[in-house]
Protein backbone atom coordinates (compact mmCIF):
# COMPACT_ATOMS: atom_id res chain seq x y z
CA MET A 1 -8.67 21.70 10.82
CA GLU A 2 -5.59 19.81 9.62
CA ILE A 3 -3.93 19.56 6.22
CA LYS A 4 -4.80 15.85 6.19
CA HIS A 5 -8.48 16.76 6.55
CA LEU A 6 -8.29 19.03 3.50
CA ARG A 7 -6.52 16.38 1.40
CA TYR A 8 -9.26 13.87 2.18
CA PHE A 9 -11.95 16.48 1.54
CA ILE A 10 -10.54 17.34 -1.90
CA GLN A 11 -10.52 13.69 -2.96
CA VAL A 12 -14.16 13.19 -1.92
CA ALA A 13 -15.15 16.48 -3.57
CA GLU A 14 -13.43 15.54 -6.84
CA THR A 15 -14.82 12.01 -7.03
CA LEU A 16 -18.16 12.62 -5.25
CA SER A 17 -17.68 9.16 -3.81
CA PHE A 18 -16.33 8.14 -0.43
CA ASN A 19 -15.34 4.73 -1.81
CA ARG A 20 -13.43 6.12 -4.81
CA ALA A 21 -11.78 8.72 -2.60
CA ALA A 22 -10.64 5.94 -0.27
CA GLU A 23 -9.13 4.08 -3.24
CA ARG A 24 -7.24 7.20 -4.35
CA LEU A 25 -5.96 7.72 -0.83
CA ASN A 26 -5.10 4.03 -0.36
CA SER A 27 -7.33 4.17 2.70
CA SER A 28 -10.71 2.73 3.63
CA GLN A 29 -14.21 4.22 3.33
CA PRO A 30 -14.83 4.31 7.13
CA VAL A 31 -11.58 6.24 7.65
CA VAL A 32 -12.50 8.77 4.95
CA THR A 33 -15.99 9.17 6.45
CA ARG A 34 -14.51 9.76 9.90
CA VAL A 35 -12.04 12.38 8.62
CA ILE A 36 -14.79 14.28 6.78
CA ALA A 37 -16.98 14.21 9.90
CA GLN A 38 -14.09 15.67 11.93
CA LEU A 39 -13.60 18.41 9.32
CA GLU A 40 -17.32 19.27 9.29
CA HIS A 41 -17.31 19.45 13.08
CA SER A 42 -14.27 21.76 13.15
CA ILE A 43 -15.75 24.08 10.49
CA GLY A 44 -19.27 23.98 11.90
CA ALA A 45 -20.86 23.38 8.52
CA LYS A 46 -22.07 20.45 6.46
CA LEU A 47 -19.85 19.94 3.42
CA PHE A 48 -21.69 17.17 1.59
CA GLU A 49 -25.29 16.15 0.97
CA ARG A 50 -25.32 12.37 1.14
CA THR A 51 -27.97 9.86 0.15
CA THR A 52 -27.73 6.15 -0.60
CA ARG A 53 -27.34 6.97 -4.29
CA ARG A 54 -25.33 10.16 -4.56
CA VAL A 55 -22.92 12.57 -2.90
CA ALA A 56 -23.05 16.31 -3.66
CA LEU A 57 -21.19 19.35 -2.36
CA THR A 58 -23.12 21.86 -0.27
CA ALA A 59 -22.63 25.60 -0.72
CA ALA A 60 -20.10 25.50 2.14
CA GLY A 61 -18.35 22.58 0.47
CA LEU A 62 -18.00 24.48 -2.81
CA VAL A 63 -16.44 27.44 -1.03
CA LEU A 64 -14.03 25.20 0.90
CA LEU A 65 -13.01 23.36 -2.28
CA SER A 66 -12.11 26.61 -4.05
CA GLU A 67 -10.02 27.69 -1.05
CA ALA A 68 -8.50 24.31 -0.18
CA ARG A 69 -6.96 23.43 -3.55
CA PRO A 70 -4.53 26.37 -3.75
CA LEU A 71 -3.82 26.05 -0.04
CA ILE A 72 -2.78 22.41 -0.37
CA ILE A 73 -0.62 23.22 -3.40
CA TYR A 74 1.09 25.99 -1.44
CA VAL A 75 1.62 23.90 1.71
CA GLU A 76 3.04 20.97 -0.28
CA SER A 77 5.35 23.35 -2.16
CA VAL A 78 6.66 24.85 1.10
CA GLN A 79 7.21 21.43 2.67
CA ARG A 80 8.89 20.13 -0.46
CA ASN A 81 11.22 23.11 -0.80
CA VAL A 82 12.28 22.92 2.83
CA ARG A 83 12.91 19.18 2.59
CA HIS A 84 14.88 19.61 -0.63
CA ALA A 85 17.04 22.30 0.96
CA VAL A 86 17.81 20.01 3.91
CA ALA A 87 18.50 17.05 1.63
CA LYS A 88 20.78 19.10 -0.60
CA ARG A 89 22.89 20.22 2.34
CA SER A 90 23.07 16.78 3.89
CA ASN A 91 23.41 14.75 0.68
CA ARG A 92 20.53 12.64 1.96
CA PHE A 93 17.98 10.48 0.15
CA THR A 94 15.12 8.91 2.09
CA VAL A 95 13.30 5.79 0.91
CA GLY A 96 10.07 4.34 2.24
CA THR A 97 9.21 0.68 1.90
CA THR A 98 6.68 -1.90 3.01
CA PRO A 99 7.75 -5.27 4.44
CA ILE A 100 6.83 -6.82 1.07
CA GLY A 101 9.06 -4.29 -0.64
CA MET A 102 11.94 -5.32 1.62
CA GLN A 103 11.44 -8.92 0.52
CA THR A 104 11.50 -8.01 -3.18
CA VAL A 105 12.55 -4.79 -4.90
CA THR A 106 13.93 -2.55 -2.14
CA PRO A 107 17.21 -4.45 -1.50
CA VAL A 108 17.95 -4.41 -5.23
CA PHE A 109 17.44 -0.65 -5.36
CA LEU A 110 19.55 -0.06 -2.22
CA ARG A 111 22.46 -2.03 -3.68
CA HIS A 112 22.17 -0.19 -6.98
CA PHE A 113 21.94 3.21 -5.27
CA ASN A 114 25.01 2.59 -3.12
CA GLN A 115 27.02 1.62 -6.17
CA ILE A 116 26.20 4.94 -7.85
CA TYR A 117 26.30 7.19 -4.75
CA PRO A 118 28.64 5.53 -2.22
CA ASP A 119 28.97 8.78 -0.22
CA ALA A 120 25.28 9.61 -0.03
CA GLN A 121 23.37 9.36 3.23
CA LEU A 122 20.66 6.83 2.44
CA GLU A 123 17.84 6.47 4.97
CA VAL A 124 15.25 3.68 4.80
CA ARG A 125 11.92 3.84 6.64
CA GLU A 126 9.49 0.93 6.85
CA LEU A 127 5.98 2.36 6.51
CA PRO A 128 2.56 1.17 5.29
CA SER A 129 1.67 2.30 1.77
CA GLN A 130 -0.73 5.06 2.88
CA ALA A 131 1.83 6.47 5.31
CA GLN A 132 4.37 6.54 2.49
CA ILE A 133 1.99 8.47 0.24
CA GLU A 134 1.49 11.07 2.96
CA ALA A 135 5.26 11.18 3.56
CA LEU A 136 5.89 11.74 -0.15
CA LEU A 137 3.39 14.60 -0.25
CA SER A 138 5.02 16.25 2.76
CA ALA A 139 8.52 15.56 1.32
CA GLU A 140 9.53 13.44 4.32
CA ILE A 141 10.62 10.69 1.94
CA ASP A 142 11.90 10.94 -1.65
CA LEU A 143 10.85 7.55 -3.00
CA GLY A 144 8.35 4.96 -1.82
CA PHE A 145 7.98 1.27 -2.54
CA ILE A 146 4.25 0.79 -2.06
CA LEU A 147 1.56 -1.79 -2.78
CA ASN A 148 -0.32 -0.93 -5.98
CA THR A 149 0.01 2.32 -7.88
CA VAL A 150 -1.21 5.65 -6.55
CA SER A 151 -3.72 8.09 -8.02
CA HIS A 152 -2.75 11.61 -6.97
CA PRO A 153 -2.06 14.64 -9.17
CA ALA A 154 1.22 15.40 -7.37
CA LEU A 155 2.58 11.84 -7.49
CA SER A 156 3.76 9.41 -10.16
CA SER A 157 4.13 5.66 -9.80
CA ARG A 158 5.26 2.62 -11.73
CA ILE A 159 4.67 -1.09 -11.16
CA LEU A 160 7.94 -2.92 -10.54
CA ARG A 161 6.79 -6.41 -9.66
CA ARG A 162 3.70 -8.55 -9.31
CA GLU A 163 3.80 -10.86 -6.34
CA ARG A 164 1.76 -14.05 -6.09
CA MET A 165 0.04 -14.41 -2.73
CA ARG A 166 0.51 -17.73 -0.98
CA LEU A 167 -1.20 -19.57 1.81
CA ALA A 168 0.38 -20.80 5.05
CA VAL A 169 -1.54 -23.65 6.69
CA PRO A 170 -0.88 -25.68 9.86
CA ASP A 171 1.28 -28.74 9.15
CA ASP A 172 -1.67 -30.99 10.10
CA HIS A 173 -4.10 -29.28 7.70
CA PRO A 174 -5.86 -31.68 5.24
CA TYR A 175 -4.08 -29.99 2.29
CA ALA A 176 -0.63 -29.70 3.90
CA HIS A 177 0.58 -32.66 1.85
CA ALA A 178 0.19 -30.63 -1.36
CA ALA A 179 3.40 -28.71 -0.64
CA ALA A 180 5.57 -31.84 -0.52
CA ASN A 181 4.04 -33.02 -3.81
CA HIS A 182 4.42 -29.55 -5.42
CA LEU A 183 0.68 -29.37 -6.07
CA LYS A 184 -1.32 -26.19 -6.49
CA VAL A 185 -4.63 -26.13 -4.62
CA PRO A 186 -7.79 -24.33 -5.82
CA LEU A 187 -8.80 -21.42 -3.65
CA THR A 188 -12.27 -22.92 -3.22
CA ALA A 189 -10.73 -25.82 -1.30
CA PHE A 190 -10.28 -23.42 1.62
CA ALA A 191 -13.79 -21.93 1.53
CA GLY A 192 -14.55 -23.60 4.89
CA ASP A 193 -11.42 -22.22 6.60
CA CYS A 194 -11.07 -18.97 8.48
CA PHE A 195 -8.82 -16.64 6.45
CA ILE A 196 -6.21 -14.87 8.57
CA ILE A 197 -5.06 -11.71 6.78
CA PRO A 198 -3.35 -8.40 7.58
CA SER A 199 -5.90 -5.83 8.71
CA LYS A 200 -7.66 -3.68 6.13
CA GLN A 201 -6.62 -0.52 7.94
CA ALA A 202 -2.92 -1.43 7.95
CA HIS A 203 -2.72 -3.17 4.53
CA PRO A 204 -5.81 -2.36 2.43
CA ALA A 205 -4.27 -3.65 -0.83
CA VAL A 206 -3.70 -7.16 0.59
CA TYR A 207 -7.12 -7.25 2.23
CA GLU A 208 -8.97 -6.14 -0.89
CA GLU A 209 -7.08 -8.52 -3.19
CA VAL A 210 -8.01 -11.52 -1.03
CA ILE A 211 -11.68 -10.45 -0.94
CA LYS A 212 -11.69 -9.93 -4.72
CA ALA A 213 -10.17 -13.38 -5.34
CA CYS A 214 -12.78 -15.02 -3.12
CA ASP A 215 -15.55 -13.16 -4.94
CA VAL A 216 -14.22 -14.50 -8.25
CA ALA A 217 -14.05 -18.00 -6.75
CA GLY A 218 -17.69 -17.70 -5.68
CA PHE A 219 -17.61 -17.59 -1.88
CA ARG A 220 -17.40 -15.08 0.97
CA PRO A 221 -14.68 -16.02 3.46
CA GLN A 222 -14.75 -15.89 7.21
CA LEU A 223 -12.03 -13.38 8.14
CA LYS A 224 -9.73 -12.79 11.08
CA GLU A 225 -7.62 -9.61 10.77
CA CYS A 226 -4.23 -9.01 12.39
CA ALA A 227 -2.04 -5.91 12.55
CA GLU A 228 1.24 -7.84 12.25
CA ASN A 229 2.36 -10.82 10.17
CA GLN A 230 3.89 -12.53 13.20
CA THR A 231 0.48 -12.50 14.90
CA CYS A 232 -1.14 -13.92 11.76
CA MET A 233 1.42 -16.74 11.65
CA GLY A 234 0.89 -17.49 15.33
CA LEU A 235 -2.87 -17.82 14.86
CA ALA A 236 -2.40 -20.08 11.84
CA ARG A 237 0.09 -22.24 13.75
CA ALA A 238 -2.48 -22.57 16.54
CA GLY A 239 -4.95 -24.01 14.01
CA LEU A 240 -7.30 -21.00 14.06
CA GLY A 241 -7.21 -20.54 10.30
CA VAL A 242 -5.03 -20.23 7.19
CA PHE A 243 -2.77 -17.24 6.58
CA PHE A 244 -2.56 -15.32 3.28
CA PHE A 245 0.68 -13.49 2.59
CA PRO A 246 2.51 -12.06 -0.43
CA GLY A 247 6.22 -12.54 -1.06
CA LYS A 248 8.72 -15.37 -1.14
CA GLN A 249 8.61 -16.74 2.38
CA THR A 250 8.46 -20.39 1.33
CA ASP A 251 9.81 -22.31 4.34
CA LEU A 252 7.86 -21.93 7.57
CA SER A 253 8.22 -25.56 8.64
CA ASP A 254 10.11 -24.55 11.79
CA LYS A 255 7.04 -22.51 12.76
CA GLY A 256 4.65 -25.47 12.31
CA LEU A 257 3.33 -24.13 9.00
CA VAL A 258 3.36 -25.32 5.39
CA VAL A 259 3.30 -22.90 2.43
CA LEU A 260 0.95 -23.71 -0.44
CA ASP A 261 0.53 -22.28 -3.92
CA ILE A 262 -3.09 -21.64 -4.79
CA VAL A 263 -4.91 -21.28 -8.12
CA ASP A 264 -8.30 -20.40 -9.61
CA PRO A 265 -7.73 -17.55 -8.99
CA VAL A 266 -4.33 -16.47 -7.68
CA PRO A 267 -4.45 -13.25 -5.63
CA ILE A 268 -1.78 -10.88 -6.96
CA ILE A 269 -0.20 -7.90 -5.22
CA GLU A 270 1.60 -5.22 -7.23
CA VAL A 271 4.73 -3.62 -5.79
CA ALA A 272 5.25 -0.14 -7.21
CA ALA A 273 7.63 2.78 -6.91
CA ALA A 274 6.07 6.18 -6.16
CA TRP A 275 7.63 9.64 -6.24
CA ARG A 276 6.71 13.31 -6.47
CA THR A 277 6.14 14.16 -10.10
CA ASP A 278 8.01 17.46 -9.96
CA ASP A 279 10.92 16.23 -7.82
CA PRO A 280 14.18 17.53 -9.35
CA SER A 281 16.44 15.37 -7.14
CA ALA A 282 19.46 14.04 -9.00
CA PHE A 283 19.24 10.88 -6.91
CA LEU A 284 15.67 10.28 -8.04
CA MET A 285 16.44 11.06 -11.68
CA THR A 286 19.21 8.45 -11.60
CA PHE A 287 16.79 5.89 -10.19
CA LEU A 288 14.18 6.59 -12.85
CA GLU A 289 16.67 6.57 -15.72
CA ARG A 290 18.87 3.65 -14.73
CA SER A 291 17.02 1.35 -12.36
CA TRP A 292 15.04 -0.26 -15.18
CA GLU A 293 18.11 -1.04 -17.26
CA ASP A 294 20.65 -2.92 -15.19
CA ASP A 295 20.30 -5.73 -12.61
CA PRO A 296 17.56 -3.88 -10.87
CA LEU A 297 13.89 -4.34 -10.77
CA GLN A 298 12.57 -5.11 -14.21
CA ASP A 299 14.40 -8.42 -14.57
CA HIS A 300 12.75 -9.69 -11.40
CA SER A 301 9.20 -8.61 -12.20
CA VAL A 302 7.79 -12.01 -13.16
CA ILE A 303 5.87 -14.10 -10.67
């Protein structure tokens, strides 16, 4: 049994839904199901009664829930206190960010932070959103720039920016000319293309936003998932599909791609800051109090 297993179990037990638990955890339903199965195997007892319509705790599940909640609170408190003690001695502040964060809000924060604390040891780690949430809970990082807000009783979050997703198409695509003419193309125009997107496991927020936009537009896309953006771009350049990405990467002409703005609807990704709600760090307090007021993030939050 691992602490991660208990965290996943508590979310399923509180929501009585594997899908809603996955949303809270910024994970996917198959991953949550697999973690619960591992936990049940390690305990040797069934924790949930599951049908197609409902999820309910078993007697063993009720006992585990009553024991797991205080255990998780205690473990997180120990981890947090140890990390704070280390950070206090080393004058260190650790920030997590996604690649999209590095294209948008993270550099602004880093510049602002260095102006206020020029002698601080600032560490930046590039991590997927879910890995950042787990790192915040274990006090491995102090602040995370994640995709979408987080729903966890120990964490707080705030949207900093909403990023329009764009489409990269091969330069010989029938709609490639729209970029030169500054035209926006309806999403339905690409219903016959294969959509190349970051994998759901690595970037669930991007994956789910694309699917939601296609549902609104009235079609179900053919999908090809990639773990890395460079792979996605390579597949698009090879003519195997069109590549969805958030951010401001507007010139890919040297890679044989053209970037298009799409409408009806426009998939939107939210970039948010996340932190531990009870974190007393002076560094973090300065960020929360001042980063919305000066050059920082708020002025750049429009699409």
